[in-house]
């Protein structure tokens, strides 16, 4: 059940030194391919980095967060169209890429792997490292691998604190 994958998902910052079999990696990426996007434009591309030297460079470009270099893979979630604005006035690309990355995160949890969203990175440096064009935005980096540590269960607000019915209330 999907709720079980949601409950299992953690931000993993310690990984086993273990490669991800290609069939498992493909199953995880397939979850991203199936993710919805605004007007079904699918304006996204994922750069999967498994090369050790490149991961070390990404680690340095990610504020020297050691686990970025230790993960089996680092995925750069890229937006290939950063100009599309939804009718609500919000840019579509952060939403579209984030939905796909969360599909990756949940599929990984279902298969016993862990992920961590990385927003602390130098956009221009990572573009240079991965040869990403200037007109493409990296929405997020995501580490992927087999957890060496279960990770922390973070406290979550109660439903009463986050929902209201019919009208917004404080």
C-alpha atoms as a PDB file:
ATOM      1  CA  UNK A   1       0.000   0.000   0.000  1.00  0.00           C
ATOM      2  CA  UNK A   2       1.201   3.470  -0.807  1.00  0.00           C
ATOM      3  CA  UNK A   3       0.685   4.689   2.768  1.00  0.00           C
ATOM      4  CA  UNK A   4       3.278   2.136   3.916  1.00  0.00           C
ATOM      5  CA  UNK A   5       5.871   3.544   1.502  1.00  0.00           C
ATOM      6  CA  UNK A   6       5.008   7.044   2.741  1.00  0.00           C
ATOM      7  CA  UNK A   7       5.496   5.957   6.349  1.00  0.00           C
ATOM      8  CA  UNK A   8       8.816   4.206   5.513  1.00  0.00           C
ATOM      9  CA  UNK A   9      10.291   7.155   3.620  1.00  0.00           C
ATOM     10  CA  UNK A  10      13.048   8.978   5.464  1.00  0.00           C
ATOM     11  CA  UNK A  11      15.694  11.517   4.546  1.00  0.00           C
ATOM     12  CA  UNK A  12      18.683   9.196   4.402  1.00  0.00           C
ATOM     13  CA  UNK A  13      22.090  10.717   5.037  1.00  0.00           C
ATOM     14  CA  UNK A  14      24.145   7.559   5.490  1.00  0.00           C
ATOM     15  CA  UNK A  15      24.390   4.976   2.730  1.00  0.00           C
ATOM     16  CA  UNK A  16      25.839   1.506   2.256  1.00  0.00           C
ATOM     17  CA  UNK A  17      28.551   1.252  -0.373  1.00  0.00           C
ATOM     18  CA  UNK A  18      26.376  -0.866  -2.632  1.00  0.00           C
ATOM     19  CA  UNK A  19      25.496  -0.423  -6.286  1.00  0.00           C
ATOM     20  CA  UNK A  20      21.878  -0.269  -7.377  1.00  0.00           C
ATOM     21  CA  UNK A  21      21.085  -3.022  -9.902  1.00  0.00           C
ATOM     22  CA  UNK A  22      20.022  -1.551 -13.277  1.00  0.00           C
ATOM     23  CA  UNK A  23      16.576  -3.184 -13.153  1.00  0.00           C
ATOM     24  CA  UNK A  24      15.874  -1.650  -9.732  1.00  0.00           C
ATOM     25  CA  UNK A  25      17.119   1.760 -10.882  1.00  0.00           C
ATOM     26  CA  UNK A  26      14.911   1.540 -13.978  1.00  0.00           C
ATOM     27  CA  UNK A  27      11.891   0.647 -11.819  1.00  0.00           C
ATOM     28  CA  UNK A  28      12.532   3.703  -9.661  1.00  0.00           C
ATOM     29  CA  UNK A  29      12.953   6.021 -12.651  1.00  0.00           C
ATOM     30  CA  UNK A  30       9.833   4.568 -14.282  1.00  0.00           C
ATOM     31  CA  UNK A  31       7.874   5.985 -11.347  1.00  0.00           C
ATOM     32  CA  UNK A  32       9.144   9.456 -12.319  1.00  0.00           C
ATOM     33  CA  UNK A  33       8.273   8.926 -15.969  1.00  0.00           C
ATOM     34  CA  UNK A  34       4.680   8.168 -14.998  1.00  0.00           C
ATOM     35  CA  UNK A  35       4.306  11.289 -12.833  1.00  0.00           C
ATOM     36  CA  UNK A  36       1.742  13.872 -13.919  1.00  0.00           C
ATOM     37  CA  UNK A  37       2.680  17.337 -15.113  1.00  0.00           C
ATOM     38  CA  UNK A  38       0.864  20.548 -15.992  1.00  0.00           C
ATOM     39  CA  UNK A  39      -0.922  20.116 -19.341  1.00  0.00           C
ATOM     40  CA  UNK A  40       0.960  16.798 -19.661  1.00  0.00           C
ATOM     41  CA  UNK A  41       3.950  18.756 -20.998  1.00  0.00           C
ATOM     42  CA  UNK A  42       6.427  16.518 -19.129  1.00  0.00           C
ATOM     43  CA  UNK A  43       9.118  19.251 -19.100  1.00  0.00           C
ATOM     44  CA  UNK A  44      11.658  17.307 -17.112  1.00  0.00           C
ATOM     45  CA  UNK A  45      14.835  15.331 -17.446  1.00  0.00           C
ATOM     46  CA  UNK A  46      16.770  13.379 -14.824  1.00  0.00           C
ATOM     47  CA  UNK A  47      20.542  13.141 -14.781  1.00  0.00           C
ATOM     48  CA  UNK A  48      21.512  10.006 -12.865  1.00  0.00           C
ATOM     49  CA  UNK A  49      25.049  10.263 -11.543  1.00  0.00           C
ATOM     50  CA  UNK A  50      26.807   7.084 -10.429  1.00  0.00           C
ATOM     51  CA  UNK A  51      30.393   8.009 -11.302  1.00  0.00           C
ATOM     52  CA  UNK A  52      32.399   8.365  -8.070  1.00  0.00           C
ATOM     53  CA  UNK A  53      34.410  11.378  -9.189  1.00  0.00           C
ATOM     54  CA  UNK A  54      31.302  13.235 -10.381  1.00  0.00           C
ATOM     55  CA  UNK A  55      29.540  12.444  -7.093  1.00  0.00           C
ATOM     56  CA  UNK A  56      32.515  13.931  -5.236  1.00  0.00           C
ATOM     57  CA  UNK A  57      32.247  17.081  -7.335  1.00  0.00           C
ATOM     58  CA  UNK A  58      28.512  17.240  -6.612  1.00  0.00           C
ATOM     59  CA  UNK A  59      29.266  16.830  -2.910  1.00  0.00           C
ATOM     60  CA  UNK A  60      31.558  19.863  -3.024  1.00  0.00           C
ATOM     61  CA  UNK A  61      28.915  21.843  -4.950  1.00  0.00           C
ATOM     62  CA  UNK A  62      26.365  20.817  -2.298  1.00  0.00           C
ATOM     63  CA  UNK A  63      28.005  22.579   0.627  1.00  0.00           C
ATOM     64  CA  UNK A  64      30.317  19.603   1.230  1.00  0.00           C
ATOM     65  CA  UNK A  65      27.497  17.393   2.475  1.00  0.00           C
ATOM     66  CA  UNK A  66      29.459  14.142   2.741  1.00  0.00           C
ATOM     67  CA  UNK A  67      26.522  11.796   2.123  1.00  0.00           C
ATOM     68  CA  UNK A  68      26.005  13.287  -1.365  1.00  0.00           C
ATOM     69  CA  UNK A  69      29.311  11.732  -2.394  1.00  0.00           C
ATOM     70  CA  UNK A  70      28.584   8.457  -0.562  1.00  0.00           C
ATOM     71  CA  UNK A  71      25.168   7.690  -2.059  1.00  0.00           C
ATOM     72  CA  UNK A  72      24.984   5.040  -4.786  1.00  0.00           C
ATOM     73  CA  UNK A  73      23.503   7.648  -7.110  1.00  0.00           C
ATOM     74  CA  UNK A  74      22.635  11.314  -7.192  1.00  0.00           C
ATOM     75  CA  UNK A  75      19.736  12.389  -9.371  1.00  0.00           C
ATOM     76  CA  UNK A  76      19.505  15.915 -10.729  1.00  0.00           C
ATOM     77  CA  UNK A  77      15.842  16.729 -11.295  1.00  0.00           C
ATOM     78  CA  UNK A  78      15.875  19.176 -14.195  1.00  0.00           C
ATOM     79  CA  UNK A  79      13.158  21.376 -15.666  1.00  0.00           C
ATOM     80  CA  UNK A  80      13.429  21.703 -19.437  1.00  0.00           C
ATOM     81  CA  UNK A  81      10.771  24.431 -19.726  1.00  0.00           C
ATOM     82  CA  UNK A  82      10.981  27.089 -17.036  1.00  0.00           C
ATOM     83  CA  UNK A  83       8.630  29.577 -18.699  1.00  0.00           C
ATOM     84  CA  UNK A  84       5.246  27.845 -18.496  1.00  0.00           C
ATOM     85  CA  UNK A  85       2.959  29.534 -15.975  1.00  0.00           C
ATOM     86  CA  UNK A  86      -0.171  27.743 -14.828  1.00  0.00           C
ATOM     87  CA  UNK A  87      -3.520  29.612 -14.871  1.00  0.00           C
ATOM     88  CA  UNK A  88      -3.116  30.169 -11.110  1.00  0.00           C
ATOM     89  CA  UNK A  89      -0.069  32.358 -11.751  1.00  0.00           C
ATOM     90  CA  UNK A  90       2.486  29.847 -10.445  1.00  0.00           C
ATOM     91  CA  UNK A  91       5.394  28.517 -12.509  1.00  0.00           C
ATOM     92  CA  UNK A  92       4.719  24.876 -13.389  1.00  0.00           C
ATOM     93  CA  UNK A  93       8.283  23.567 -13.441  1.00  0.00           C
ATOM     94  CA  UNK A  94       9.006  23.308  -9.685  1.00  0.00           C
ATOM     95  CA  UNK A  95       5.690  21.496  -9.205  1.00  0.00           C
ATOM     96  CA  UNK A  96       6.171  19.161 -12.179  1.00  0.00           C
ATOM     97  CA  UNK A  97       9.715  18.130 -11.272  1.00  0.00           C
ATOM     98  CA  UNK A  98       8.909  17.828  -7.553  1.00  0.00           C
ATOM     99  CA  UNK A  99       5.998  15.471  -8.208  1.00  0.00           C
ATOM    100  CA  UNK A 100       8.296  13.232 -10.270  1.00  0.00           C
ATOM    101  CA  UNK A 101      11.038  13.331  -7.628  1.00  0.00           C
ATOM    102  CA  UNK A 102       8.567  12.360  -4.923  1.00  0.00           C
ATOM    103  CA  UNK A 103       7.449   9.442  -7.091  1.00  0.00           C
ATOM    104  CA  UNK A 104      11.134   8.416  -7.160  1.00  0.00           C
ATOM    105  CA  UNK A 105      11.365   8.803  -3.387  1.00  0.00           C
ATOM    106  CA  UNK A 106       8.290   6.683  -2.691  1.00  0.00           C
ATOM    107  CA  UNK A 107       9.190   3.958  -5.203  1.00  0.00           C
ATOM    108  CA  UNK A 108      12.676   3.821  -3.704  1.00  0.00           C
ATOM    109  CA  UNK A 109      11.207   3.429  -0.199  1.00  0.00           C
ATOM    110  CA  UNK A 110       8.951   0.653  -1.468  1.00  0.00           C
ATOM    111  CA  UNK A 111      12.012  -1.175  -2.840  1.00  0.00           C
ATOM    112  CA  UNK A 112      14.102  -0.755   0.322  1.00  0.00           C
ATOM    113  CA  UNK A 113      16.219   2.177  -0.846  1.00  0.00           C
ATOM    114  CA  UNK A 114      16.504   5.617   0.654  1.00  0.00           C
ATOM    115  CA  UNK A 115      16.605   9.143  -0.710  1.00  0.00           C
ATOM    116  CA  UNK A 116      17.265  12.660   0.448  1.00  0.00           C
ATOM    117  CA  UNK A 117      16.133  15.886  -1.182  1.00  0.00           C
ATOM    118  CA  UNK A 118      19.044  18.301  -1.625  1.00  0.00           C
ATOM    119  CA  UNK A 119      18.216  21.970  -2.085  1.00  0.00           C
ATOM    120  CA  UNK A 120      21.526  23.241  -0.704  1.00  0.00           C
ATOM    121  CA  UNK A 121      23.659  23.274  -3.829  1.00  0.00           C
ATOM    122  CA  UNK A 122      25.232  25.757  -6.216  1.00  0.00           C
ATOM    123  CA  UNK A 123      22.976  25.759  -9.299  1.00  0.00           C
ATOM    124  CA  UNK A 124      25.625  27.074 -11.698  1.00  0.00           C
ATOM    125  CA  UNK A 125      28.380  24.798 -10.422  1.00  0.00           C
ATOM    126  CA  UNK A 126      26.175  21.677 -10.716  1.00  0.00           C
ATOM    127  CA  UNK A 127      25.147  22.733 -14.239  1.00  0.00           C
ATOM    128  CA  UNK A 128      28.826  23.023 -15.131  1.00  0.00           C
ATOM    129  CA  UNK A 129      29.693  19.629 -13.607  1.00  0.00           C
ATOM    130  CA  UNK A 130      26.819  17.817 -15.345  1.00  0.00           C
ATOM    131  CA  UNK A 131      26.938  19.817 -18.595  1.00  0.00           C
ATOM    132  CA  UNK A 132      23.362  21.009 -18.141  1.00  0.00           C
ATOM    133  CA  UNK A 133      22.312  23.806 -20.533  1.00  0.00           C
ATOM    134  CA  UNK A 134      21.871  27.334 -19.182  1.00  0.00           C
ATOM    135  CA  UNK A 135      18.134  27.415 -19.993  1.00  0.00           C
ATOM    136  CA  UNK A 136      17.448  24.293 -17.890  1.00  0.00           C
ATOM    137  CA  UNK A 137      16.839  24.641 -14.135  1.00  0.00           C
ATOM    138  CA  UNK A 138      17.902  22.057 -11.597  1.00  0.00           C
ATOM    139  CA  UNK A 139      14.952  22.002  -9.227  1.00  0.00           C
ATOM    140  CA  UNK A 140      16.559  19.619  -6.771  1.00  0.00           C
ATOM    141  CA  UNK A 141      19.242  17.011  -6.333  1.00  0.00           C
ATOM    142  CA  UNK A 142      18.232  13.721  -4.756  1.00  0.00           C
ATOM    143  CA  UNK A 143      20.551  11.119  -3.292  1.00  0.00           C
ATOM    144  CA  UNK A 144      19.599   7.478  -3.786  1.00  0.00           C
ATOM    145  CA  UNK A 145      20.978   4.308  -2.264  1.00  0.00           C
ATOM    146  CA  UNK A 146      20.663   1.568   0.301  1.00  0.00           C
ATOM    147  CA  UNK A 147      20.434   3.088   3.784  1.00  0.00           C
ATOM    148  CA  UNK A 148      23.209   2.311   6.262  1.00  0.00           C
ATOM    149  CA  UNK A 149      21.031   3.894   8.924  1.00  0.00           C
ATOM    150  CA  UNK A 150      17.245   3.940   9.183  1.00  0.00           C
ATOM    151  CA  UNK A 151      17.225   7.693   9.629  1.00  0.00           C
ATOM    152  CA  UNK A 152      15.179   9.804  11.950  1.00  0.00           C
ATOM    153  CA  UNK A 153      11.425   9.820  12.186  1.00  0.00           C
ATOM    154  CA  UNK A 154      10.569  13.478  12.202  1.00  0.00           C
ATOM    155  CA  UNK A 155       7.713  14.903  14.207  1.00  0.00           C
ATOM    156  CA  UNK A 156       4.722  15.819  12.063  1.00  0.00           C
ATOM    157  CA  UNK A 157       1.973  18.279  12.874  1.00  0.00           C
ATOM    158  CA  UNK A 158      -1.449  16.841  13.668  1.00  0.00           C
ATOM    159  CA  UNK A 159      -4.206  16.894  11.059  1.00  0.00           C
ATOM    160  CA  UNK A 160      -6.011  19.553  13.093  1.00  0.00           C
ATOM    161  CA  UNK A 161      -3.004  21.843  12.680  1.00  0.00           C
ATOM    162  CA  UNK A 162      -2.792  21.550   8.898  1.00  0.00           C
ATOM    163  CA  UNK A 163      -6.343  21.346   7.562  1.00  0.00           C
ATOM    164  CA  UNK A 164      -9.445  23.475   7.577  1.00  0.00           C
ATOM    165  CA  UNK A 165     -12.727  22.928   5.817  1.00  0.00           C
ATOM    166  CA  UNK A 166     -14.426  25.247   3.371  1.00  0.00           C
ATOM    167  CA  UNK A 167     -12.515  28.363   4.477  1.00  0.00           C
ATOM    168  CA  UNK A 168      -8.989  29.138   5.554  1.00  0.00           C
ATOM    169  CA  UNK A 169      -8.757  29.528   9.332  1.00  0.00           C
ATOM    170  CA  UNK A 170      -5.800  30.212  11.609  1.00  0.00           C
END
